[in-house]
Amino acid sequence: MKKILTAIFLFSTLLLSAQNQTNKVEKQMFKANLLLTPGVEYEVGVSENATLDFRLGTGLAYVKSNNDEDYGVFLTFEGAYRYYYNFEKRANKGKNTSGNSANYLAMTTYIAHGDPILGNLDTDIDYVGQVGPVWGFQRTYNSGFNLGLELGVGYAFNDNDQSMAPIVNFRLGWAFGK
């Protein structure tokens, strides 16, 4: 576990020290994610190419075993440090960069309460968490339509167990205040 935390720290340090001379991130953006996992999101610029992203939303779990099917909708909180790395390349190709429309590397964290707010999934845990590096992209169109995808591998934990697990986040919604 110490090796995993050390690797995460080193990755974060590299992201924090990486700088580009273009100032392209938005000062702040509010987003409402409507499909799949509804929630609200706030992204704030902290340097020329980096943001902090905070999301309060929901997560969905579905379990099928034997003839039983159970599901749960859980309250979640996510936070991420994002380093956007291809604004200049996109701009040189004439592509949109507003609304932080670019690719990024991020260190992301996730925590969910163990009891569902909706559904019949019975859990024996109080919380679920995950932390790890991801590659992602975000696109914000003139209409405000916003989509994003993140892929990575992280350290997952709860009050009973810990493991390595994939990180997959897909969001569709609208951006406001960009």
C-alpha atoms as a PDB file:
ATOM      1  CA  MET A   1       0.000   0.000   0.000  1.00  0.00           C
ATOM      2  CA  LYS A   2       2.902   2.370   0.733  1.00  0.00           C
ATOM      3  CA  LYS A   3       4.227   1.819  -2.808  1.00  0.00           C
ATOM      4  CA  ILE A   4       0.826   2.703  -4.288  1.00  0.00           C
ATOM      5  CA  LEU A   5       0.532   5.882  -2.224  1.00  0.00           C
ATOM      6  CA  THR A   6       4.130   6.841  -3.091  1.00  0.00           C
ATOM      7  CA  ALA A   7       3.428   6.346  -6.818  1.00  0.00           C
ATOM      8  CA  ILE A   8       0.266   8.456  -6.566  1.00  0.00           C
ATOM      9  CA  PHE A   9       2.199  11.215  -4.757  1.00  0.00           C
ATOM     10  CA  LEU A  10       4.979  11.219  -7.385  1.00  0.00           C
ATOM     11  CA  PHE A  11       2.438  11.327 -10.233  1.00  0.00           C
ATOM     12  CA  SER A  12       0.671  14.280  -8.549  1.00  0.00           C
ATOM     13  CA  THR A  13       3.977  16.112  -8.079  1.00  0.00           C
ATOM     14  CA  LEU A  14       4.840  15.699 -11.768  1.00  0.00           C
ATOM     15  CA  LEU A  15       1.443  17.063 -12.769  1.00  0.00           C
ATOM     16  CA  LEU A  16       1.758  20.025 -10.423  1.00  0.00           C
ATOM     17  CA  SER A  17       5.201  20.966 -11.742  1.00  0.00           C
ATOM     18  CA  ALA A  18       4.262  20.629 -15.427  1.00  0.00           C
ATOM     19  CA  GLN A  19       3.673  24.087 -16.922  1.00  0.00           C
ATOM     20  CA  ASN A  20       2.749  25.440 -20.333  1.00  0.00           C
ATOM     21  CA  GLN A  21       2.888  29.073 -21.393  1.00  0.00           C
ATOM     22  CA  THR A  22      -0.699  29.236 -22.691  1.00  0.00           C
ATOM     23  CA  ASN A  23      -3.487  30.389 -20.402  1.00  0.00           C
ATOM     24  CA  LYS A  24      -6.440  28.395 -21.636  1.00  0.00           C
ATOM     25  CA  VAL A  25      -8.390  26.977 -18.684  1.00  0.00           C
ATOM     26  CA  GLU A  26     -11.610  28.681 -17.685  1.00  0.00           C
ATOM     27  CA  LYS A  27     -11.526  30.569 -14.387  1.00  0.00           C
ATOM     28  CA  GLN A  28     -14.592  28.633 -13.292  1.00  0.00           C
ATOM     29  CA  MET A  29     -17.294  26.413 -14.749  1.00  0.00           C
ATOM     30  CA  PHE A  30     -20.482  25.009 -13.290  1.00  0.00           C
ATOM     31  CA  LYS A  31     -21.793  21.823 -14.875  1.00  0.00           C
ATOM     32  CA  ALA A  32     -24.977  19.824 -14.460  1.00  0.00           C
ATOM     33  CA  ASN A  33     -24.585  16.173 -15.393  1.00  0.00           C
ATOM     34  CA  LEU A  34     -27.959  14.779 -16.344  1.00  0.00           C
ATOM     35  CA  LEU A  35     -27.635  11.291 -17.770  1.00  0.00           C
ATOM     36  CA  LEU A  36     -26.380   8.062 -16.194  1.00  0.00           C
ATOM     37  CA  THR A  37     -25.120   9.573 -12.910  1.00  0.00           C
ATOM     38  CA  PRO A  38     -26.847  12.927 -12.265  1.00  0.00           C
ATOM     39  CA  GLY A  39     -24.966  15.515 -10.262  1.00  0.00           C
ATOM     40  CA  VAL A  40     -23.499  18.999 -10.141  1.00  0.00           C
ATOM     41  CA  GLU A  41     -19.887  19.864 -10.801  1.00  0.00           C
ATOM     42  CA  TYR A  42     -17.655  22.892 -10.221  1.00  0.00           C
ATOM     43  CA  GLU A  43     -14.326  23.255 -12.018  1.00  0.00           C
ATOM     44  CA  VAL A  44     -11.990  26.091 -11.069  1.00  0.00           C
ATOM     45  CA  GLY A  45      -8.721  27.114 -12.744  1.00  0.00           C
ATOM     46  CA  VAL A  46      -5.702  27.042 -10.433  1.00  0.00           C
ATOM     47  CA  SER A  47      -2.898  27.675 -12.947  1.00  0.00           C
ATOM     48  CA  GLU A  48      -2.456  28.194 -16.665  1.00  0.00           C
ATOM     49  CA  ASN A  49      -3.359  24.619 -17.639  1.00  0.00           C
ATOM     50  CA  ALA A  50      -4.671  23.078 -14.425  1.00  0.00           C
ATOM     51  CA  THR A  51      -7.997  22.945 -12.631  1.00  0.00           C
ATOM     52  CA  LEU A  52      -9.565  21.503  -9.525  1.00  0.00           C
ATOM     53  CA  ASP A  53     -12.831  19.712 -10.239  1.00  0.00           C
ATOM     54  CA  PHE A  54     -15.415  18.925  -7.555  1.00  0.00           C
ATOM     55  CA  ARG A  55     -18.560  16.864  -8.116  1.00  0.00           C
ATOM     56  CA  LEU A  56     -21.499  16.041  -5.877  1.00  0.00           C
ATOM     57  CA  GLY A  57     -23.682  13.445  -7.498  1.00  0.00           C
ATOM     58  CA  THR A  58     -24.891   9.917  -7.636  1.00  0.00           C
ATOM     59  CA  GLY A  59     -23.446   6.539  -8.485  1.00  0.00           C
ATOM     60  CA  LEU A  60     -25.210   3.399  -9.610  1.00  0.00           C
ATOM     61  CA  ALA A  61     -24.479  -0.177  -8.561  1.00  0.00           C
ATOM     62  CA  TYR A  62     -26.138  -3.245 -10.038  1.00  0.00           C
ATOM     63  CA  VAL A  63     -25.586  -6.800  -8.788  1.00  0.00           C
ATOM     64  CA  LYS A  64     -26.971  -9.970 -10.335  1.00  0.00           C
ATOM     65  CA  SER A  65     -26.421 -13.279  -8.578  1.00  0.00           C
ATOM     66  CA  ASN A  66     -28.340 -16.515  -9.155  1.00  0.00           C
ATOM     67  CA  ASN A  67     -31.904 -15.326  -9.729  1.00  0.00           C
ATOM     68  CA  ASP A  68     -31.590 -12.117  -7.692  1.00  0.00           C
ATOM     69  CA  GLU A  69     -31.103  -8.672  -9.166  1.00  0.00           C
ATOM     70  CA  ASP A  70     -30.342  -5.778  -6.843  1.00  0.00           C
ATOM     71  CA  TYR A  71     -29.471  -2.158  -7.530  1.00  0.00           C
ATOM     72  CA  GLY A  72     -28.628   0.936  -5.547  1.00  0.00           C
ATOM     73  CA  VAL A  73     -28.228   4.636  -6.204  1.00  0.00           C
ATOM     74  CA  PHE A  74     -25.592   6.122  -3.915  1.00  0.00           C
ATOM     75  CA  LEU A  75     -24.641   9.674  -2.966  1.00  0.00           C
ATOM     76  CA  THR A  76     -21.060  10.391  -4.114  1.00  0.00           C
ATOM     77  CA  PHE A  77     -18.391  13.068  -3.871  1.00  0.00           C
ATOM     78  CA  GLU A  78     -15.491  13.314  -6.330  1.00  0.00           C
ATOM     79  CA  GLY A  79     -12.508  15.604  -6.488  1.00  0.00           C
ATOM     80  CA  ALA A  80      -9.743  15.809  -9.083  1.00  0.00           C
ATOM     81  CA  TYR A  81      -6.667  17.783 -10.024  1.00  0.00           C
ATOM     82  CA  ARG A  82      -6.639  18.033 -13.839  1.00  0.00           C
ATOM     83  CA  TYR A  83      -3.698  19.027 -16.025  1.00  0.00           C
ATOM     84  CA  TYR A  84      -4.844  19.903 -19.570  1.00  0.00           C
ATOM     85  CA  TYR A  85      -2.062  19.257 -22.058  1.00  0.00           C
ATOM     86  CA  ASN A  86      -3.277  19.840 -25.621  1.00  0.00           C
ATOM     87  CA  PHE A  87      -4.950  23.272 -25.813  1.00  0.00           C
ATOM     88  CA  GLU A  88      -2.342  24.662 -28.187  1.00  0.00           C
ATOM     89  CA  LYS A  89      -2.467  21.642 -30.515  1.00  0.00           C
ATOM     90  CA  ARG A  90      -6.290  21.839 -30.690  1.00  0.00           C
ATOM     91  CA  ALA A  91      -6.214  25.600 -31.317  1.00  0.00           C
ATOM     92  CA  ASN A  92      -3.613  25.203 -34.103  1.00  0.00           C
ATOM     93  CA  LYS A  93      -5.962  22.731 -35.815  1.00  0.00           C
ATOM     94  CA  GLY A  94      -8.853  25.197 -35.515  1.00  0.00           C
ATOM     95  CA  LYS A  95     -10.680  23.086 -32.924  1.00  0.00           C
ATOM     96  CA  ASN A  96     -12.694  24.462 -30.015  1.00  0.00           C
ATOM     97  CA  THR A  97     -10.817  24.938 -26.726  1.00  0.00           C
ATOM     98  CA  SER A  98     -13.429  26.947 -24.793  1.00  0.00           C
ATOM     99  CA  GLY A  99     -15.020  25.342 -21.756  1.00  0.00           C
ATOM    100  CA  ASN A 100     -11.787  23.408 -21.131  1.00  0.00           C
ATOM    101  CA  SER A 101     -12.298  21.384 -24.318  1.00  0.00           C
ATOM    102  CA  ALA A 102      -9.067  19.404 -24.245  1.00  0.00           C
ATOM    103  CA  ASN A 103      -7.424  16.200 -23.069  1.00  0.00           C
ATOM    104  CA  TYR A 104      -6.020  15.932 -19.572  1.00  0.00           C
ATOM    105  CA  LEU A 105      -4.176  13.830 -17.032  1.00  0.00           C
ATOM    106  CA  ALA A 106      -5.682  13.846 -13.565  1.00  0.00           C
ATOM    107  CA  MET A 107      -5.438  12.511 -10.069  1.00  0.00           C
ATOM    108  CA  THR A 108      -8.973  11.710  -9.011  1.00  0.00           C
ATOM    109  CA  THR A 109     -10.634  10.711  -5.758  1.00  0.00           C
ATOM    110  CA  TYR A 110     -14.076   9.282  -5.134  1.00  0.00           C
ATOM    111  CA  ILE A 111     -16.069   8.529  -1.991  1.00  0.00           C
ATOM    112  CA  ALA A 112     -19.578   7.097  -1.682  1.00  0.00           C
ATOM    113  CA  HIS A 113     -21.787   6.397   1.291  1.00  0.00           C
ATOM    114  CA  GLY A 114     -22.418   2.656   1.794  1.00  0.00           C
ATOM    115  CA  ASP A 115     -26.219   2.812   2.057  1.00  0.00           C
ATOM    116  CA  PRO A 116     -28.215   3.481  -1.122  1.00  0.00           C
ATOM    117  CA  ILE A 117     -30.566   6.463  -1.263  1.00  0.00           C
ATOM    118  CA  LEU A 118     -32.712   4.478  -3.731  1.00  0.00           C
ATOM    119  CA  GLY A 119     -32.881   0.792  -4.511  1.00  0.00           C
ATOM    120  CA  ASN A 120     -32.791  -2.569  -2.816  1.00  0.00           C
ATOM    121  CA  LEU A 121     -29.046  -3.308  -2.784  1.00  0.00           C
ATOM    122  CA  ASP A 122     -28.069  -4.343   0.735  1.00  0.00           C
ATOM    123  CA  THR A 123     -24.448  -3.496   1.528  1.00  0.00           C
ATOM    124  CA  ASP A 124     -22.369  -4.515   4.522  1.00  0.00           C
ATOM    125  CA  ILE A 125     -20.132  -1.454   4.264  1.00  0.00           C
ATOM    126  CA  ASP A 126     -20.244   2.134   5.485  1.00  0.00           C
ATOM    127  CA  TYR A 127     -18.308   3.737   2.614  1.00  0.00           C
ATOM    128  CA  VAL A 128     -16.515   3.055  -0.684  1.00  0.00           C
ATOM    129  CA  GLY A 129     -13.570   5.089  -1.933  1.00  0.00           C
ATOM    130  CA  GLN A 130     -11.118   5.128  -4.812  1.00  0.00           C
ATOM    131  CA  VAL A 131      -8.070   7.200  -5.722  1.00  0.00           C
ATOM    132  CA  GLY A 132      -5.882   7.016  -8.804  1.00  0.00           C
ATOM    133  CA  PRO A 133      -4.504   8.569 -11.982  1.00  0.00           C
ATOM    134  CA  VAL A 134      -6.687   8.898 -15.091  1.00  0.00           C
ATOM    135  CA  TRP A 135      -6.472  10.067 -18.668  1.00  0.00           C
ATOM    136  CA  GLY A 136      -9.530  11.970 -19.784  1.00  0.00           C
ATOM    137  CA  PHE A 137     -11.056  14.394 -22.201  1.00  0.00           C
ATOM    138  CA  GLN A 138     -13.749  17.013 -21.966  1.00  0.00           C
ATOM    139  CA  ARG A 139     -15.631  18.763 -24.753  1.00  0.00           C
ATOM    140  CA  THR A 140     -17.899  21.759 -24.256  1.00  0.00           C
ATOM    141  CA  TYR A 141     -19.859  22.937 -27.294  1.00  0.00           C
ATOM    142  CA  ASN A 142     -21.267  26.410 -28.046  1.00  0.00           C
ATOM    143  CA  SER A 143     -24.718  25.264 -26.900  1.00  0.00           C
ATOM    144  CA  GLY A 144     -23.223  24.462 -23.488  1.00  0.00           C
ATOM    145  CA  PHE A 145     -23.535  20.709 -24.058  1.00  0.00           C
ATOM    146  CA  ASN A 146     -20.687  19.066 -22.178  1.00  0.00           C
ATOM    147  CA  LEU A 147     -19.326  15.539 -22.360  1.00  0.00           C
ATOM    148  CA  GLY A 148     -16.391  13.857 -20.736  1.00  0.00           C
ATOM    149  CA  LEU A 149     -14.677  10.515 -20.307  1.00  0.00           C
ATOM    150  CA  GLU A 150     -12.038   9.356 -17.823  1.00  0.00           C
ATOM    151  CA  LEU A 151     -10.126   6.066 -17.831  1.00  0.00           C
ATOM    152  CA  GLY A 152      -7.571   4.829 -15.341  1.00  0.00           C
ATOM    153  CA  VAL A 153      -6.694   2.391 -12.590  1.00  0.00           C
ATOM    154  CA  GLY A 154      -6.952   3.207  -8.921  1.00  0.00           C
ATOM    155  CA  TYR A 155      -6.709   2.000  -5.380  1.00  0.00           C
ATOM    156  CA  ALA A 156     -10.223   1.093  -4.196  1.00  0.00           C
ATOM    157  CA  PHE A 157     -11.126   0.643  -0.546  1.00  0.00           C
ATOM    158  CA  ASN A 158     -14.003   0.301   1.883  1.00  0.00           C
ATOM    159  CA  ASP A 159     -14.242  -0.470   5.576  1.00  0.00           C
ATOM    160  CA  ASN A 160     -13.805  -4.217   4.872  1.00  0.00           C
ATOM    161  CA  ASP A 161     -11.509  -4.548   1.844  1.00  0.00           C
ATOM    162  CA  GLN A 162      -9.000  -2.910  -0.528  1.00  0.00           C
ATOM    163  CA  SER A 163      -7.962  -3.662  -4.102  1.00  0.00           C
ATOM    164  CA  MET A 164      -6.873  -2.239  -7.429  1.00  0.00           C
ATOM    165  CA  ALA A 165      -9.831  -1.423  -9.682  1.00  0.00           C
ATOM    166  CA  PRO A 166     -10.537   0.303 -13.009  1.00  0.00           C
ATOM    167  CA  ILE A 167     -11.728   3.907 -13.034  1.00  0.00           C
ATOM    168  CA  VAL A 168     -14.308   4.712 -15.705  1.00  0.00           C
ATOM    169  CA  ASN A 169     -16.288   7.960 -15.635  1.00  0.00           C
ATOM    170  CA  PHE A 170     -18.605   9.095 -18.426  1.00  0.00           C
ATOM    171  CA  ARG A 171     -20.584  12.308 -18.167  1.00  0.00           C
ATOM    172  CA  LEU A 172     -23.174  14.093 -20.285  1.00  0.00           C
ATOM    173  CA  GLY A 173     -24.677  17.419 -19.299  1.00  0.00           C
ATOM    174  CA  TRP A 174     -24.463  21.187 -19.653  1.00  0.00           C
ATOM    175  CA  ALA A 175     -21.853  23.749 -18.659  1.00  0.00           C
ATOM    176  CA  PHE A 176     -22.844  27.124 -17.227  1.00  0.00           C
ATOM    177  CA  GLY A 177     -20.778  30.198 -16.429  1.00  0.00           C
ATOM    178  CA  LYS A 178     -17.846  29.443 -18.707  1.00  0.00           C
END
